[in-house]
């Protein structure tokens, strides 16, 4: 059993049916009766990943941190997240049906979300799949995909963090 699961601790929140988890970097359905132990550090998160997924996440972490020096990294939603000027703005999402590495561009809890509103950032590249006016997803399928999108991603990160 991966080290970030604790089936014997009833104080842990119970998973939803069909909740995804990762074993050797590949998405799997969390077995019934098992619970996921929250990660306390980014290092714990990385240690639980398989080599391929760790390489993808590490590359994205370096791009994010290089695009905006001074970002603070911590764990939010059980994944690495980046705080800019006191607000969570970019968070990893590895627990999705597609098994992709995704970055969530969001505005924390500073303003209400309008799911039908126009995005607050104009993305000419079309890289961001907007879920609302203040939340969008960027998906990556491989290290090569990340490298191909690197320049556009760096620009989007810089522009996203410049929005007040």
Protein backbone atom coordinates (compact mmCIF):
# COMPACT_ATOMS: atom_id res chain seq x y z
CA UNK A 1 0.00 0.00 0.00
CA UNK A 2 1.44 3.46 -0.85
CA UNK A 3 2.77 5.38 2.19
CA UNK A 4 0.16 8.15 1.93
CA UNK A 5 -2.80 5.85 2.69
CA UNK A 6 -3.95 4.79 6.12
CA UNK A 7 -6.81 2.28 6.12
CA UNK A 8 -6.64 1.90 9.89
CA UNK A 9 -7.13 5.52 10.97
CA UNK A 10 -10.85 6.32 11.35
CA UNK A 11 -10.13 10.01 12.01
CA UNK A 12 -9.19 10.52 8.35
CA UNK A 13 -11.94 11.78 6.03
CA UNK A 14 -13.62 9.01 4.08
CA UNK A 15 -13.07 9.04 0.29
CA UNK A 16 -15.92 9.52 -2.13
CA UNK A 17 -16.88 6.50 -4.21
CA UNK A 18 -14.60 6.35 -7.24
CA UNK A 19 -12.07 8.79 -5.78
CA UNK A 20 -8.80 8.69 -7.71
CA UNK A 21 -5.45 8.01 -6.12
CA UNK A 22 -2.00 7.37 -7.53
CA UNK A 23 0.08 4.22 -7.40
CA UNK A 24 3.45 4.32 -9.14
CA UNK A 25 2.38 7.59 -10.75
CA UNK A 26 -0.67 6.11 -12.47
CA UNK A 27 -4.26 6.97 -11.55
CA UNK A 28 -6.28 4.24 -9.85
CA UNK A 29 -9.57 4.14 -7.99
CA UNK A 30 -9.11 4.24 -4.23
CA UNK A 31 -10.03 0.78 -2.94
CA UNK A 32 -13.18 0.67 -0.84
CA UNK A 33 -12.47 1.10 2.85
CA UNK A 34 -9.10 2.83 2.39
CA UNK A 35 -8.54 6.48 3.20
CA UNK A 36 -5.98 8.94 1.91
CA UNK A 37 -3.65 10.60 4.39
CA UNK A 38 -3.21 14.29 3.58
CA UNK A 39 0.28 15.39 2.57
CA UNK A 40 1.95 17.72 5.04
CA UNK A 41 4.78 18.92 2.78
CA UNK A 42 5.57 19.22 -0.91
CA UNK A 43 8.36 16.70 -0.30
CA UNK A 44 5.82 14.17 1.01
CA UNK A 45 3.72 14.79 -2.10
CA UNK A 46 6.68 14.26 -4.44
CA UNK A 47 7.81 11.13 -2.58
CA UNK A 48 4.41 9.53 -3.23
CA UNK A 49 4.67 10.01 -7.02
CA UNK A 50 6.07 7.52 -9.50
CA UNK A 51 9.15 8.58 -11.52
CA UNK A 52 7.30 9.81 -14.63
CA UNK A 53 4.71 11.85 -12.70
CA UNK A 54 7.45 13.23 -10.43
CA UNK A 55 9.41 14.38 -13.51
CA UNK A 56 6.32 16.16 -14.90
CA UNK A 57 5.51 17.85 -11.59
CA UNK A 58 9.14 18.84 -10.99
CA UNK A 59 9.39 20.44 -14.43
CA UNK A 60 6.17 22.40 -13.87
CA UNK A 61 7.33 23.49 -10.40
CA UNK A 62 10.54 24.89 -11.90
CA UNK A 63 8.59 26.72 -14.62
CA UNK A 64 6.17 28.23 -12.11
CA UNK A 65 8.87 29.28 -9.66
CA UNK A 66 11.05 30.66 -12.47
CA UNK A 67 8.19 32.68 -13.97
CA UNK A 68 7.57 34.53 -10.71
CA UNK A 69 10.34 34.61 -8.12
CA UNK A 70 8.96 35.10 -4.63
CA UNK A 71 6.02 32.70 -4.94
CA UNK A 72 5.40 30.75 -1.75
CA UNK A 73 4.82 27.02 -2.20
CA UNK A 74 2.71 24.96 0.20
CA UNK A 75 0.11 22.17 0.19
CA UNK A 76 -3.52 23.04 -0.65
CA UNK A 77 -6.16 20.53 -1.77
CA UNK A 78 -3.51 17.86 -1.01
CA UNK A 79 -1.27 19.16 -3.82
CA UNK A 80 1.42 21.82 -4.29
CA UNK A 81 -0.05 25.31 -4.49
CA UNK A 82 1.48 28.75 -5.02
CA UNK A 83 0.67 31.87 -3.03
CA UNK A 84 1.23 35.34 -4.46
CA UNK A 85 0.68 38.40 -2.27
CA UNK A 86 -1.14 36.35 0.37
CA UNK A 87 -3.53 34.57 -2.01
CA UNK A 88 -3.46 31.07 -3.49
CA UNK A 89 -3.28 31.55 -7.26
CA UNK A 90 -2.00 28.32 -8.90
CA UNK A 91 -2.55 24.77 -7.64
CA UNK A 92 -1.68 21.35 -9.03
CA UNK A 93 -4.46 18.84 -9.76
CA UNK A 94 -3.33 15.27 -10.33
CA UNK A 95 -6.53 13.60 -9.17
CA UNK A 96 -8.68 13.79 -12.28
CA UNK A 97 -10.46 11.27 -14.49
CA UNK A 98 -8.11 11.86 -17.40
CA UNK A 99 -4.97 11.00 -15.43
CA UNK A 100 -3.33 14.26 -16.58
CA UNK A 101 -1.23 16.76 -14.70
CA UNK A 102 -3.28 19.94 -14.45
CA UNK A 103 -2.64 23.40 -13.12
CA UNK A 104 -5.59 25.27 -11.67
CA UNK A 105 -5.38 29.04 -12.13
CA UNK A 106 -7.67 30.50 -9.46
CA UNK A 107 -8.22 33.46 -7.17
CA UNK A 108 -8.51 31.76 -3.80
CA UNK A 109 -11.53 32.92 -1.83
CA UNK A 110 -11.08 36.64 -2.46
CA UNK A 111 -14.06 37.12 -4.73
CA UNK A 112 -17.18 35.21 -5.75
CA UNK A 113 -16.87 32.94 -8.74
CA UNK A 114 -19.12 33.51 -11.77
CA UNK A 115 -19.30 30.27 -13.78
CA UNK A 116 -20.94 32.09 -16.70
CA UNK A 117 -18.73 35.16 -16.55
CA UNK A 118 -15.99 36.10 -18.98
CA UNK A 119 -12.48 35.11 -17.81
CA UNK A 120 -10.52 37.89 -16.11
CA UNK A 121 -7.49 36.96 -18.23
CA UNK A 122 -7.61 36.98 -22.00
CA UNK A 123 -5.77 33.86 -23.18
CA UNK A 124 -5.07 34.18 -26.89
CA UNK A 125 -3.27 30.83 -26.87
CA UNK A 126 -6.36 28.90 -25.77
CA UNK A 127 -4.21 26.93 -23.33
CA UNK A 128 -6.47 27.66 -20.35
CA UNK A 129 -9.81 25.81 -20.24
CA UNK A 130 -11.92 28.27 -18.26
CA UNK A 131 -14.36 26.88 -15.67
CA UNK A 132 -15.48 30.34 -14.51
CA UNK A 133 -14.37 33.95 -14.65
CA UNK A 134 -11.64 33.30 -12.04
CA UNK A 135 -10.81 29.60 -12.44
CA UNK A 136 -9.21 27.79 -15.36
CA UNK A 137 -7.29 24.59 -16.01
CA UNK A 138 -4.17 23.94 -18.04
CA UNK A 139 -3.63 20.23 -18.81
CA UNK A 140 -0.45 18.35 -19.65
CA UNK A 141 -0.12 14.78 -20.90
CA UNK A 142 3.67 14.33 -20.82
CA UNK A 143 7.03 15.97 -20.22
CA UNK A 144 7.20 16.67 -23.96
CA UNK A 145 3.78 18.38 -23.79
CA UNK A 146 4.99 20.55 -20.91
CA UNK A 147 8.15 21.48 -22.82
CA UNK A 148 6.14 22.36 -25.94
CA UNK A 149 3.87 24.68 -23.90
CA UNK A 150 6.61 26.14 -21.70
CA UNK A 151 6.95 29.59 -23.29
CA UNK A 152 3.21 30.22 -23.40
CA UNK A 153 2.79 28.87 -19.87
CA UNK A 154 5.49 31.19 -18.48
CA UNK A 155 3.74 34.17 -20.08
CA UNK A 156 0.33 33.10 -18.75
CA UNK A 157 1.69 32.64 -15.22
CA UNK A 158 3.27 36.10 -15.26
CA UNK A 159 0.09 37.69 -16.63
CA UNK A 160 -2.15 35.74 -14.21
CA UNK A 161 -0.17 36.83 -11.17
CA UNK A 162 -0.19 40.47 -12.34
CA UNK A 163 -3.99 40.60 -12.03
CA UNK A 164 -5.05 42.33 -8.83
